[in-house]
């Protein structure tokens, strides 16, 4: 799938589980509202048909000590 299609899918659905390799997957979200309360977001780059590191959206990650949620 081309990068633009991957990003459009995440944007339209709000969240998607994407294959990032032969046996690996990653949940990618449109924004912070698709993450749990004790998490924040970080950019998610995944391989696509046309770009090796396609910006697909964000991944949810735990908040580190001293870091606030970015709402």
N, C-alpha and C. Protein backbone atom coordinates (compact mmCIF):
# COMPACT_ATOMS: atom_id res chain seq x y z
N UNK A 1 0.85 -1.17 0.00
CA UNK A 1 0.00 0.00 0.00
C UNK A 1 0.91 1.25 0.00
N UNK A 2 0.63 2.23 -0.84
CA UNK A 2 1.44 3.46 -0.87
C UNK A 2 1.31 4.24 0.45
N UNK A 3 2.30 5.04 0.76
CA UNK A 3 2.34 5.81 2.01
C UNK A 3 1.09 6.67 2.17
N UNK A 4 0.69 7.38 1.15
CA UNK A 4 -0.49 8.25 1.25
C UNK A 4 -1.74 7.46 1.62
N UNK A 5 -1.86 6.24 1.13
CA UNK A 5 -3.02 5.39 1.45
C UNK A 5 -2.97 4.91 2.89
N UNK A 6 -1.78 4.60 3.38
CA UNK A 6 -1.62 4.17 4.77
C UNK A 6 -2.04 5.31 5.70
N UNK A 7 -1.52 6.51 5.45
CA UNK A 7 -1.85 7.67 6.28
C UNK A 7 -3.34 8.00 6.20
N UNK A 8 -3.93 7.89 5.02
CA UNK A 8 -5.36 8.16 4.85
C UNK A 8 -6.22 7.15 5.61
N UNK A 9 -5.81 5.90 5.64
CA UNK A 9 -6.53 4.86 6.37
C UNK A 9 -6.55 5.17 7.86
N UNK A 10 -5.40 5.51 8.42
CA UNK A 10 -5.31 5.85 9.85
C UNK A 10 -6.15 7.09 10.14
N UNK A 11 -6.05 8.10 9.29
CA UNK A 11 -6.81 9.34 9.48
C UNK A 11 -8.32 9.07 9.45
N UNK A 12 -8.77 8.27 8.51
CA UNK A 12 -10.20 7.99 8.36
C UNK A 12 -10.76 7.14 9.50
N UNK A 13 -10.02 6.15 9.93
CA UNK A 13 -10.52 5.22 10.95
C UNK A 13 -10.17 5.63 12.37
N UNK A 14 -9.17 6.50 12.52
CA UNK A 14 -8.75 6.92 13.85
C UNK A 14 -7.67 6.04 14.42
N UNK A 15 -7.70 4.76 14.11
CA UNK A 15 -6.69 3.81 14.57
C UNK A 15 -6.69 2.60 13.65
N UNK A 16 -5.53 2.01 13.47
CA UNK A 16 -5.41 0.81 12.64
C UNK A 16 -4.23 -0.01 13.11
N UNK A 17 -4.33 -1.31 12.98
CA UNK A 17 -3.21 -2.20 13.26
C UNK A 17 -2.55 -2.49 11.93
N UNK A 18 -1.28 -2.09 11.81
CA UNK A 18 -0.55 -2.21 10.56
C UNK A 18 0.55 -3.25 10.67
N UNK A 19 0.77 -3.98 9.62
CA UNK A 19 1.89 -4.91 9.57
C UNK A 19 3.16 -4.11 9.35
N UNK A 20 4.17 -4.34 10.18
CA UNK A 20 5.44 -3.62 10.05
C UNK A 20 6.57 -4.55 9.63
N UNK A 21 6.25 -5.81 9.42
CA UNK A 21 7.23 -6.81 9.01
C UNK A 21 6.55 -8.14 8.85
N UNK A 22 7.30 -9.17 8.50
CA UNK A 22 6.71 -10.49 8.26
C UNK A 22 5.86 -11.03 9.42
N UNK A 23 6.29 -10.76 10.65
CA UNK A 23 5.54 -11.27 11.81
C UNK A 23 5.39 -10.21 12.89
N UNK A 24 5.35 -8.93 12.49
CA UNK A 24 5.20 -7.87 13.49
C UNK A 24 4.11 -6.89 13.08
N UNK A 25 3.45 -6.35 14.09
CA UNK A 25 2.33 -5.43 13.88
C UNK A 25 2.46 -4.28 14.85
N UNK A 26 1.86 -3.16 14.48
CA UNK A 26 1.87 -1.99 15.36
C UNK A 26 0.53 -1.27 15.23
N UNK A 27 -0.02 -0.85 16.36
CA UNK A 27 -1.25 -0.05 16.35
C UNK A 27 -0.85 1.40 16.15
N UNK A 28 -1.43 2.02 15.15
CA UNK A 28 -1.14 3.41 14.81
C UNK A 28 -2.44 4.20 14.95
N UNK A 29 -2.34 5.38 15.57
CA UNK A 29 -3.53 6.20 15.84
C UNK A 29 -3.43 7.56 15.16
N UNK A 30 -4.59 8.18 14.98
CA UNK A 30 -4.66 9.51 14.38
C UNK A 30 -4.18 10.58 15.35
N UNK A 31 -4.57 10.45 16.63
CA UNK A 31 -4.22 11.46 17.62
C UNK A 31 -4.34 10.88 19.03
N UNK A 32 -4.01 11.71 20.01
CA UNK A 32 -3.99 11.32 21.42
C UNK A 32 -5.32 10.74 21.91
N UNK A 33 -6.42 11.15 21.34
CA UNK A 33 -7.73 10.69 21.83
C UNK A 33 -7.93 9.19 21.64
N UNK A 34 -7.11 8.53 20.85
CA UNK A 34 -7.20 7.09 20.64
C UNK A 34 -6.26 6.30 21.55
N UNK A 35 -5.62 6.99 22.49
CA UNK A 35 -4.71 6.35 23.45
C UNK A 35 -5.36 6.30 24.83
N UNK A 36 -4.87 5.42 25.68
CA UNK A 36 -5.36 5.33 27.05
C UNK A 36 -4.88 6.53 27.86
N UNK A 37 -5.47 6.76 29.02
CA UNK A 37 -5.16 7.93 29.83
C UNK A 37 -3.68 8.05 30.23
N UNK A 38 -3.07 7.00 30.61
CA UNK A 38 -1.69 7.07 31.10
C UNK A 38 -0.66 6.93 29.98
N UNK A 39 -1.03 7.33 28.78
CA UNK A 39 -0.10 7.26 27.65
C UNK A 39 -0.06 8.58 26.91
N UNK A 40 0.94 8.72 26.07
CA UNK A 40 1.08 9.88 25.20
C UNK A 40 1.37 9.35 23.80
N UNK A 41 1.65 10.22 22.86
CA UNK A 41 1.91 9.76 21.49
C UNK A 41 3.35 10.01 21.08
N UNK A 42 3.78 9.22 20.12
CA UNK A 42 5.09 9.37 19.48
C UNK A 42 4.87 9.08 17.99
N UNK A 43 5.60 9.75 17.11
CA UNK A 43 5.43 9.51 15.68
C UNK A 43 5.64 8.03 15.33
N UNK A 44 4.82 7.53 14.42
CA UNK A 44 4.93 6.13 13.97
C UNK A 44 5.31 6.12 12.49
N UNK A 45 6.46 5.55 12.21
CA UNK A 45 6.94 5.39 10.84
C UNK A 45 6.90 3.90 10.51
N UNK A 46 6.26 3.55 9.42
CA UNK A 46 6.13 2.16 9.01
C UNK A 46 6.55 2.01 7.56
N UNK A 47 6.98 0.83 7.15
CA UNK A 47 7.32 0.63 5.74
C UNK A 47 6.05 0.60 4.88
N UNK A 48 6.11 1.24 3.73
CA UNK A 48 4.99 1.21 2.79
C UNK A 48 5.52 0.76 1.43
N UNK A 49 4.64 0.63 0.47
CA UNK A 49 5.04 0.16 -0.86
C UNK A 49 6.01 1.11 -1.55
N UNK A 50 5.90 2.42 -1.24
CA UNK A 50 6.73 3.39 -1.95
C UNK A 50 7.75 4.13 -1.08
N UNK A 51 7.60 4.07 0.23
CA UNK A 51 8.51 4.78 1.14
C UNK A 51 8.91 3.84 2.27
N UNK A 52 10.20 3.75 2.52
CA UNK A 52 10.70 2.84 3.55
C UNK A 52 10.25 3.24 4.96
N UNK A 53 10.23 4.54 5.23
CA UNK A 53 9.79 5.02 6.54
C UNK A 53 8.66 6.04 6.32
N UNK A 54 7.47 5.53 6.18
CA UNK A 54 6.27 6.34 5.93
C UNK A 54 5.69 6.82 7.26
N UNK A 55 5.45 8.13 7.39
CA UNK A 55 4.78 8.65 8.58
C UNK A 55 3.31 8.28 8.47
N UNK A 56 2.87 7.35 9.32
CA UNK A 56 1.51 6.84 9.25
C UNK A 56 0.58 7.47 10.27
N UNK A 57 1.13 8.10 11.29
CA UNK A 57 0.34 8.68 12.38
C UNK A 57 1.17 8.61 13.64
N UNK A 58 0.55 8.15 14.71
CA UNK A 58 1.24 8.09 16.00
C UNK A 58 1.02 6.74 16.67
N UNK A 59 1.92 6.40 17.55
CA UNK A 59 1.74 5.21 18.39
C UNK A 59 1.57 5.69 19.82
N UNK A 60 0.82 4.96 20.60
CA UNK A 60 0.64 5.29 22.01
C UNK A 60 1.83 4.71 22.77
N UNK A 61 2.33 5.47 23.72
CA UNK A 61 3.44 4.98 24.53
C UNK A 61 3.26 5.47 25.96
N UNK A 62 3.81 4.73 26.92
CA UNK A 62 3.67 5.14 28.32
C UNK A 62 4.30 6.51 28.56
N UNK A 63 3.71 7.27 29.45
CA UNK A 63 4.29 8.55 29.85
C UNK A 63 5.48 8.28 30.75
N UNK A 64 6.60 8.91 30.45
CA UNK A 64 7.80 8.74 31.28
C UNK A 64 7.72 9.67 32.48
N UNK A 65 8.45 9.32 33.53
CA UNK A 65 8.44 10.10 34.75
C UNK A 65 8.83 11.56 34.45
N UNK A 66 8.02 12.51 34.96
CA UNK A 66 8.29 13.92 34.76
C UNK A 66 7.72 14.47 33.45
N UNK A 67 7.11 13.61 32.64
CA UNK A 67 6.55 14.03 31.37
C UNK A 67 5.04 14.14 31.52
N UNK A 68 4.45 15.19 30.98
CA UNK A 68 3.01 15.36 31.06
C UNK A 68 2.34 14.87 29.78
N UNK A 69 1.05 14.65 29.86
CA UNK A 69 0.27 14.26 28.69
C UNK A 69 0.09 15.49 27.80
N UNK A 70 0.21 15.32 26.50
CA UNK A 70 0.17 16.47 25.57
C UNK A 70 -1.20 16.64 24.93
N UNK A 71 -2.23 16.93 25.71
CA UNK A 71 -3.58 17.16 25.17
C UNK A 71 -3.73 18.57 24.69
